[in-house]
C-alpha atoms as a PDB file:
ATOM      1  CA  MET A   1      97.713   4.161 291.512  1.00  0.00           C
ATOM      2  CA  ASN A   2      94.196   2.702 291.160  1.00  0.00           C
ATOM      3  CA  TYR A   3      93.141   1.948 294.759  1.00  0.00           C
ATOM      4  CA  GLY A   4      90.001   0.114 293.616  1.00  0.00           C
ATOM      5  CA  ARG A   5      92.036  -2.335 291.554  1.00  0.00           C
ATOM      6  CA  LEU A   6      94.446  -2.819 294.483  1.00  0.00           C
ATOM      7  CA  ALA A   7      91.510  -3.613 296.809  1.00  0.00           C
ATOM      8  CA  LEU A   8      90.083  -5.983 294.214  1.00  0.00           C
ATOM      9  CA  ALA A   9      93.508  -7.636 293.772  1.00  0.00           C
ATOM     10  CA  ALA A  10      93.772  -8.044 297.584  1.00  0.00           C
ATOM     11  CA  LEU A  11      90.297  -9.554 297.752  1.00  0.00           C
ATOM     12  CA  ALA A  12      90.988 -11.931 294.887  1.00  0.00           C
ATOM     13  CA  ALA A  13      94.278 -12.945 296.491  1.00  0.00           C
ATOM     14  CA  THR A  14      92.540 -13.485 299.857  1.00  0.00           C
ATOM     15  CA  VAL A  15      89.969 -15.831 298.257  1.00  0.00           C
ATOM     16  CA  VAL A  16      92.634 -17.767 296.289  1.00  0.00           C
ATOM     17  CA  ASP A  17      94.885 -17.933 299.311  1.00  0.00           C
ATOM     18  CA  GLY A  18      91.996 -19.169 301.472  1.00  0.00           C
ATOM     19  CA  VAL A  19      91.252 -21.959 298.999  1.00  0.00           C
ATOM     20  CA  TYR A  20      94.987 -22.861 298.728  1.00  0.00           C
ATOM     21  CA  GLY A  21      95.247 -22.789 302.566  1.00  0.00           C
ATOM     22  CA  PHE A  22      92.282 -25.098 302.989  1.00  0.00           C
ATOM     23  CA  LEU A  23      93.619 -27.587 300.462  1.00  0.00           C
ATOM     24  CA  VAL A  24      97.309 -27.533 301.379  1.00  0.00           C
ATOM     25  CA  TYR A  25      97.455 -26.641 305.081  1.00  0.00           C
ATOM     26  CA  GLY A  26      94.017 -27.922 306.049  1.00  0.00           C
ATOM     27  CA  GLN A  27      94.024 -31.183 304.071  1.00  0.00           C
ATOM     28  CA  VAL A  28      97.500 -32.195 302.807  1.00  0.00           C
ATOM     29  CA  LEU A  29      99.550 -31.008 305.826  1.00  0.00           C
ATOM     30  CA  SER A  30      96.896 -31.387 308.540  1.00  0.00           C
ATOM     31  CA  GLY A  31      98.491 -34.646 309.749  1.00  0.00           C
ATOM     32  CA  LEU A  32     101.820 -32.862 310.330  1.00  0.00           C
ATOM     33  CA  PHE A  33     100.087 -30.079 312.265  1.00  0.00           C
ATOM     34  CA  GLY A  34      98.224 -32.671 314.270  1.00  0.00           C
ATOM     35  CA  GLN A  35     101.516 -34.008 315.566  1.00  0.00           C
ATOM     36  CA  TYR A  36     101.913 -30.762 317.568  1.00  0.00           C
ATOM     37  CA  PRO A  37      98.644 -30.261 319.505  1.00  0.00           C
ATOM     38  CA  ALA A  38     100.384 -28.065 322.049  1.00  0.00           C
ATOM     39  CA  VAL A  39     101.370 -25.661 319.222  1.00  0.00           C
ATOM     40  CA  PHE A  40      98.455 -25.660 316.793  1.00  0.00           C
ATOM     41  CA  ARG A  41      94.679 -25.482 317.370  1.00  0.00           C
ATOM     42  CA  GLY A  42      92.779 -28.682 316.647  1.00  0.00           C
ATOM     43  CA  LEU A  43      90.383 -28.757 313.729  1.00  0.00           C
ATOM     44  CA  GLU A  44      87.398 -28.720 316.056  1.00  0.00           C
ATOM     45  CA  THR A  45      88.333 -25.332 317.540  1.00  0.00           C
ATOM     46  CA  GLN A  46      89.634 -23.506 314.462  1.00  0.00           C
ATOM     47  CA  THR A  47      86.255 -22.375 313.064  1.00  0.00           C
ATOM     48  CA  ALA A  48      85.805 -19.706 315.747  1.00  0.00           C
ATOM     49  CA  TYR A  49      89.058 -18.017 314.666  1.00  0.00           C
ATOM     50  CA  LEU A  50      88.391 -17.980 310.904  1.00  0.00           C
ATOM     51  CA  PRO A  51      87.063 -14.404 310.810  1.00  0.00           C
ATOM     52  CA  ALA A  52      90.209 -13.084 312.438  1.00  0.00           C
ATOM     53  CA  MET A  53      92.386 -15.259 310.169  1.00  0.00           C
ATOM     54  CA  PHE A  54      90.675 -13.991 307.001  1.00  0.00           C
ATOM     55  CA  LEU A  55      90.821 -10.390 308.107  1.00  0.00           C
ATOM     56  CA  GLY A  56      94.535 -10.844 308.744  1.00  0.00           C
ATOM     57  CA  ILE A  57      95.021 -12.433 305.335  1.00  0.00           C
ATOM     58  CA  PHE A  58      93.115  -9.528 303.660  1.00  0.00           C
ATOM     59  CA  ILE A  59      95.199  -6.904 305.452  1.00  0.00           C
ATOM     60  CA  GLY A  60      98.378  -8.768 304.391  1.00  0.00           C
ATOM     61  CA  MET A  61      97.144  -8.972 300.810  1.00  0.00           C
ATOM     62  CA  LEU A  62      96.415  -5.223 300.735  1.00  0.00           C
ATOM     63  CA  ALA A  63     100.056  -4.633 301.776  1.00  0.00           C
ATOM     64  CA  VAL A  64     101.331  -7.103 299.193  1.00  0.00           C
ATOM     65  CA  ALA A  65      99.205  -5.548 296.415  1.00  0.00           C
ATOM     66  CA  TRP A  66     100.506  -2.079 297.338  1.00  0.00           C
ATOM     67  CA  ILE A  67     104.128  -3.189 297.392  1.00  0.00           C
ATOM     68  CA  TYR A  68     103.675  -4.935 294.048  1.00  0.00           C
ATOM     69  CA  ALA A  69     102.087  -1.880 292.446  1.00  0.00           C
ATOM     70  CA  LYS A  70     104.860   0.452 293.809  1.00  0.00           C
ATOM     71  CA  GLY A  71     107.613  -1.621 292.247  1.00  0.00           C
ATOM     72  CA  TYR A  72     105.770  -2.604 289.048  1.00  0.00           C
ATOM     73  CA  GLU A  73     108.000  -2.444 286.012  1.00  0.00           C
ATOM     74  CA  GLY A  74     105.434  -3.301 283.280  1.00  0.00           C
ATOM     75  CA  ARG A  75     105.978  -7.029 282.873  1.00  0.00           C
ATOM     76  CA  GLY A  76     102.547  -8.278 283.849  1.00  0.00           C
ATOM     77  CA  VAL A  77     101.871 -11.715 285.252  1.00  0.00           C
ATOM     78  CA  LEU A  78     105.504 -12.854 284.816  1.00  0.00           C
ATOM     79  CA  GLU A  79     106.553 -10.019 287.100  1.00  0.00           C
ATOM     80  CA  GLY A  80     103.821 -11.101 289.520  1.00  0.00           C
ATOM     81  CA  ALA A  81     105.340 -14.648 289.532  1.00  0.00           C
ATOM     82  CA  ARG A  82     108.809 -13.228 290.208  1.00  0.00           C
ATOM     83  CA  PHE A  83     107.411 -11.023 292.970  1.00  0.00           C
ATOM     84  CA  GLY A  84     105.559 -13.969 294.480  1.00  0.00           C
ATOM     85  CA  VAL A  85     108.700 -16.129 294.520  1.00  0.00           C
ATOM     86  CA  LEU A  86     110.616 -13.416 296.271  1.00  0.00           C
ATOM     87  CA  VAL A  87     107.924 -12.989 298.910  1.00  0.00           C
ATOM     88  CA  GLY A  88     107.866 -16.780 299.245  1.00  0.00           C
ATOM     89  CA  VAL A  89     111.643 -16.852 299.818  1.00  0.00           C
ATOM     90  CA  PHE A  90     111.221 -14.070 302.424  1.00  0.00           C
ATOM     91  CA  ASN A  91     108.449 -16.134 304.037  1.00  0.00           C
ATOM     92  CA  ALA A  92     110.464 -19.315 304.046  1.00  0.00           C
ATOM     93  CA  GLY A  93     113.584 -17.659 305.422  1.00  0.00           C
ATOM     94  CA  TYR A  94     112.187 -15.191 307.913  1.00  0.00           C
ATOM     95  CA  VAL A  95     108.782 -16.525 308.940  1.00  0.00           C
ATOM     96  CA  ILE A  96     109.306 -20.271 308.763  1.00  0.00           C
ATOM     97  CA  GLY A  97     112.920 -20.022 309.910  1.00  0.00           C
ATOM     98  CA  THR A  98     111.842 -18.034 312.921  1.00  0.00           C
ATOM     99  CA  ASP A  99     108.942 -20.415 313.577  1.00  0.00           C
ATOM    100  CA  TYR A 100     111.308 -23.383 313.515  1.00  0.00           C
ATOM    101  CA  GLY A 101     113.600 -21.579 315.987  1.00  0.00           C
ATOM    102  CA  ILE A 102     110.881 -20.622 318.493  1.00  0.00           C
ATOM    103  CA  LEU A 103     108.078 -23.167 318.049  1.00  0.00           C
ATOM    104  CA  ASN A 104     108.373 -26.751 319.130  1.00  0.00           C
ATOM    105  CA  ILE A 105     108.004 -28.175 315.575  1.00  0.00           C
ATOM    106  CA  GLY A 106     110.123 -30.646 313.608  1.00  0.00           C
ATOM    107  CA  ARG A 107     112.191 -30.132 310.526  1.00  0.00           C
ATOM    108  CA  ARG A 108     109.722 -31.992 308.307  1.00  0.00           C
ATOM    109  CA  LEU A 109     106.868 -29.650 309.211  1.00  0.00           C
ATOM    110  CA  ALA A 110     109.042 -26.582 308.849  1.00  0.00           C
ATOM    111  CA  GLY A 111     110.290 -27.723 305.470  1.00  0.00           C
ATOM    112  CA  SER A 112     106.785 -28.569 304.332  1.00  0.00           C
ATOM    113  CA  MET A 113     105.512 -25.176 305.440  1.00  0.00           C
ATOM    114  CA  ALA A 114     108.392 -23.420 303.662  1.00  0.00           C
ATOM    115  CA  LEU A 115     107.720 -25.297 300.401  1.00  0.00           C
ATOM    116  CA  ALA A 116     103.944 -24.817 300.649  1.00  0.00           C
ATOM    117  CA  GLY A 117     104.474 -21.125 301.388  1.00  0.00           C
ATOM    118  CA  LEU A 118     106.711 -20.685 298.367  1.00  0.00           C
ATOM    119  CA  VAL A 119     104.051 -22.090 296.086  1.00  0.00           C
ATOM    120  CA  GLU A 120     101.355 -20.133 297.903  1.00  0.00           C
ATOM    121  CA  TRP A 121     103.157 -16.781 297.361  1.00  0.00           C
ATOM    122  CA  LEU A 122     103.924 -17.631 293.727  1.00  0.00           C
ATOM    123  CA  ILE A 123     100.147 -18.093 293.163  1.00  0.00           C
ATOM    124  CA  VAL A 124      99.313 -14.928 295.115  1.00  0.00           C
ATOM    125  CA  GLY A 125     101.854 -12.893 293.111  1.00  0.00           C
ATOM    126  CA  VAL A 126     100.286 -14.092 289.865  1.00  0.00           C
ATOM    127  CA  VAL A 127      96.743 -13.284 291.096  1.00  0.00           C
ATOM    128  CA  VAL A 128      97.752  -9.773 292.313  1.00  0.00           C
ATOM    129  CA  ALA A 129      99.463  -9.088 288.994  1.00  0.00           C
ATOM    130  CA  ALA A 130      96.545 -10.364 286.928  1.00  0.00           C
ATOM    131  CA  VAL A 131      93.924  -8.365 288.861  1.00  0.00           C
ATOM    132  CA  SER A 132      95.711  -5.176 289.856  1.00  0.00           C
ATOM    133  CA  LYS A 133      97.236  -4.297 286.423  1.00  0.00           C
ATOM    134  CA  PRO A 134      99.113  -1.226 287.762  1.00  0.00           C
ATOM    135  CA  SER A 135     100.736   1.317 285.430  1.00  0.00           C
ATOM    136  CA  PRO A 136     104.467   1.111 285.106  1.00  0.00           C
ATOM    137  CA  ARG A 137     106.220   3.629 287.302  1.00  0.00           C
ATOM    138  CA  PRO A 138     108.154   6.424 285.602  1.00  0.00           C
ATOM    139  CA  GLY A 139     111.655   5.370 284.644  1.00  0.00           C
ATOM    140  CA  ALA A 140     110.854   1.658 284.881  1.00  0.00           C
ATOM    141  CA  ARG A 141     112.501  -0.641 282.349  1.00  0.00           C
ATOM    142  CA  ALA A 142     110.355  -1.465 279.318  1.00  0.00           C
ATOM    143  CA  ALA A 143     108.757  -4.896 279.120  1.00  0.00           C
ATOM    144  CA  GLY A 144     111.091  -7.501 277.719  1.00  0.00           C
ATOM    145  CA  VAL A 145     114.278  -5.569 278.550  1.00  0.00           C
END
């Protein structure tokens, strides 16, 4: 396993995810978040927490890059897309489903976050695949099989 490529993949995924998050969560969905001021920080106070947020994203991306590399079957970016969709489904079911159950948010926001997260993880999976380029694990199926 090439740890340098994994770190580079995690860094690239963090940057892409940060841009996606700013555009989708910070711009497109900000009105929905604004409807729940007791749950989410206001835009004016978020800046102080960005370093912790980006550190958390990077740590998560390191884990995702590692998991991707460990299960890599030699199918490149297409496999990254499949991996991203599966992580997105996990996110929608577990994270957003749990958030909806314990946070005081509406169905529209929960559904929007689930859909945005699915697209987000699809993009992250493709970025991790494109940058990490791990070697197929022994015994993995050949590409196209």
